[in-house]
Amino acid sequence: MPNILAIAQYERAGAADGDEHWCLVAVSTAGQTTQTFEIIGGTHDYAYSTKEVKILRSTSLCGGCAVGEFQEDGIQWLTTRLSEVPITHNNGEWNCRNWVVDAVRELQLDQRERPAEARVKINPEFSQRAILAELKEERESAKRATTISSRDY
C-alpha cells in the first residue's frame, strides 16, 4: 500500500467559510502519526514548519484530499524539499493555501524534470480548481457530520 501525500484543511476559529488553514500531510502506512508541512504565522512573519501529529484526533480537521504518493524513505526528502518552497511576505492576498498549491506544483515539476530522483508522485490530474472543489465538498460533509453528531436525541 502506498504512502499518501494529501492536503488537509483545518477550521480556524472566527474565520469565514472558505478561509481554512491548509497544510500538506504525509500519511505513512507504517504508523499512526502523520507528518505535516505548513507555513505558520501571519503575512509579515510566515515561516515553514513541520511536525508529527495524530491527525485523526484533531477536532478542527474538516477534510482533505490526496494529491500524490511517496516512498517510505520520502519523509526526510519532503521535509527538506518543502523547506525550499518560496514564502511570500507582506502580501494580504497570499496565504497558506497559496503555499500548499505552490508546493505541490514544485513537486510536480521535480517529477517531470528529474523522474529518476523524484521521491513523490503527484496525481497527474492535480489542479487548483479540482482541489478547491474537493475540499469544499469535504468541508460541507464535515459540517453535516458535526451537525448530526451534536443533535440531542
Protein backbone atom coordinates (compact mmCIF):
# COMPACT_ATOMS: atom_id res chain seq x y z
CA MET A 1 0.00 0.00 0.00
CA PRO A 2 1.46 3.41 -0.94
CA ASN A 3 2.09 6.26 1.45
CA ILE A 4 -0.21 9.18 0.71
CA LEU A 5 0.58 12.87 0.33
CA ALA A 6 -2.55 14.92 0.92
CA ILE A 7 -3.82 18.41 1.56
CA ALA A 8 -5.55 18.75 4.91
CA GLN A 9 -7.77 21.65 5.87
CA TYR A 10 -8.47 22.86 9.37
CA GLU A 11 -11.12 25.25 10.66
CA ARG A 12 -9.76 28.47 12.09
CA ALA A 13 -11.70 29.97 14.99
CA GLY A 14 -13.62 33.01 13.83
CA ALA A 15 -12.61 32.59 10.18
CA ALA A 16 -15.12 32.79 7.35
CA ASP A 17 -16.15 29.65 5.47
CA GLY A 18 -13.56 29.00 2.78
CA ASP A 19 -10.77 30.54 4.89
CA GLU A 20 -9.50 27.31 6.40
CA HIS A 21 -5.85 26.60 7.13
CA TRP A 22 -4.26 24.26 4.60
CA CYS A 23 -1.19 22.12 5.01
CA LEU A 24 0.38 19.15 3.31
CA VAL A 25 0.33 15.88 5.21
CA ALA A 26 2.36 12.73 4.64
CA VAL A 27 0.32 9.76 5.76
CA SER A 28 2.59 6.77 6.19
CA THR A 29 1.20 3.26 6.14
CA ALA A 30 3.86 2.33 8.71
CA GLY A 31 2.47 4.23 11.68
CA GLN A 32 -0.34 6.04 13.44
CA THR A 33 1.11 9.51 13.05
CA THR A 34 1.19 11.93 10.17
CA GLN A 35 3.88 14.44 9.24
CA THR A 36 2.55 17.93 8.47
CA PHE A 37 4.25 20.51 6.27
CA GLU A 38 2.88 24.04 6.52
CA ILE A 39 3.52 27.71 6.90
CA ILE A 40 2.63 29.32 10.21
CA GLY A 41 2.39 32.89 11.40
CA GLY A 42 0.98 35.92 9.64
CA THR A 43 1.70 37.69 6.39
CA HIS A 44 4.64 39.60 7.89
CA ASP A 45 6.32 36.59 9.53
CA TYR A 46 5.22 33.40 7.77
CA ALA A 47 7.63 30.53 8.40
CA TYR A 48 7.89 26.92 7.25
CA SER A 49 7.05 24.35 9.90
CA THR A 50 6.83 20.60 10.06
CA LYS A 51 5.68 18.36 12.87
CA GLU A 52 4.37 14.92 13.60
CA VAL A 53 0.68 14.76 14.59
CA LYS A 54 -2.11 12.29 15.21
CA ILE A 55 -4.31 13.81 12.53
CA LEU A 56 -7.49 11.87 13.29
CA ARG A 57 -7.53 13.22 16.84
CA SER A 58 -7.83 16.80 15.60
CA THR A 59 -11.17 18.43 16.32
CA SER A 60 -10.56 21.21 13.78
CA LEU A 61 -9.78 18.94 10.81
CA CYS A 62 -12.52 19.46 8.23
CA GLY A 63 -11.39 17.29 5.37
CA GLY A 64 -8.65 16.77 2.91
CA CYS A 65 -7.76 15.24 -0.41
CA ALA A 66 -4.94 13.06 -1.68
CA VAL A 67 -2.63 14.68 -4.22
CA GLY A 68 0.04 12.02 -4.58
CA GLU A 69 2.10 9.16 -3.21
CA PHE A 70 5.59 8.97 -1.71
CA GLN A 71 8.18 6.35 -0.98
CA GLU A 72 8.68 5.25 2.62
CA ASP A 73 12.06 6.97 2.74
CA GLY A 74 10.49 10.13 1.35
CA ILE A 75 9.61 11.94 4.60
CA GLN A 76 13.08 13.38 5.14
CA TRP A 77 13.32 14.28 1.46
CA LEU A 78 9.91 16.01 1.64
CA THR A 79 10.93 17.89 4.80
CA THR A 80 13.99 19.29 3.05
CA ARG A 81 12.39 19.87 -0.35
CA LEU A 82 9.33 21.67 1.03
CA SER A 83 11.55 23.95 3.11
CA GLU A 84 12.78 25.31 -0.23
CA VAL A 85 9.32 26.39 -1.44
CA PRO A 86 9.28 30.20 -1.52
CA ILE A 87 7.22 32.07 1.07
CA THR A 88 5.69 35.44 0.22
CA HIS A 89 5.59 38.07 2.96
CA ASN A 90 3.61 41.29 3.34
CA ASN A 91 1.01 40.42 0.70
CA GLY A 92 -2.53 40.16 2.06
CA GLU A 93 -3.61 38.14 -0.99
CA TRP A 94 -1.10 35.34 -0.29
CA ASN A 95 -1.53 32.71 2.45
CA CYS A 96 -1.13 29.06 3.44
CA ARG A 97 -3.38 27.88 0.63
CA ASN A 98 -1.13 29.54 -1.96
CA TRP A 99 1.92 27.96 -0.36
CA VAL A 100 0.36 24.47 -0.49
CA VAL A 101 -0.56 24.84 -4.17
CA ASP A 102 2.93 26.19 -4.95
CA ALA A 103 4.50 23.28 -3.05
CA VAL A 104 2.50 20.67 -4.96
CA ARG A 105 3.34 22.36 -8.26
CA GLU A 106 7.05 22.30 -7.38
CA LEU A 107 6.83 18.60 -6.55
CA GLN A 108 5.09 18.08 -9.89
CA LEU A 109 7.89 19.95 -11.64
CA ASP A 110 10.52 17.83 -9.85
CA GLN A 111 8.69 14.72 -11.00
CA ARG A 112 8.66 15.91 -14.62
CA GLU A 113 12.23 17.24 -14.75
CA ARG A 114 14.00 14.57 -12.69
CA PRO A 115 11.78 11.46 -12.67
CA ALA A 116 14.58 9.15 -11.50
CA GLU A 117 15.20 11.30 -8.40
CA ALA A 118 11.58 12.13 -7.54
CA ARG A 119 10.50 10.65 -4.24
CA VAL A 120 6.93 11.86 -4.70
CA LYS A 121 4.48 11.05 -7.46
CA ILE A 122 1.81 13.74 -7.85
CA ASN A 123 -1.52 12.76 -9.34
CA PRO A 124 -1.40 13.91 -12.99
CA GLU A 125 -4.95 15.28 -12.65
CA PHE A 126 -3.93 17.68 -9.89
CA SER A 127 -5.33 21.16 -10.46
CA GLN A 128 -6.14 24.02 -8.17
CA ARG A 129 -9.75 24.03 -9.38
CA ALA A 130 -10.20 20.31 -8.63
CA ILE A 131 -8.63 20.70 -5.18
CA LEU A 132 -10.86 23.66 -4.30
CA ALA A 133 -13.96 21.70 -5.33
CA GLU A 134 -12.95 18.58 -3.41
CA LEU A 135 -12.01 20.49 -0.26
CA LYS A 136 -15.29 22.43 -0.38
CA GLU A 137 -17.18 19.14 -0.56
CA GLU A 138 -15.10 17.76 2.34
CA ARG A 139 -15.78 20.90 4.41
CA GLU A 140 -19.53 20.67 3.81
CA SER A 141 -19.53 16.97 4.62
CA ALA A 142 -17.65 17.65 7.88
CA LYS A 143 -20.22 20.31 8.81
CA ARG A 144 -23.11 17.90 8.17
CA ALA A 145 -21.43 15.23 10.30
CA THR A 146 -20.87 17.72 13.13
CA THR A 147 -24.48 18.87 12.99
CA ILE A 148 -25.78 15.30 13.08
CA SER A 149 -23.48 14.21 15.92
CA SER A 150 -24.32 17.27 18.05
CA ARG A 151 -28.10 16.75 17.93
CA ASP A 152 -29.71 15.77 21.21
CA TYR A 153 -31.83 12.64 20.64
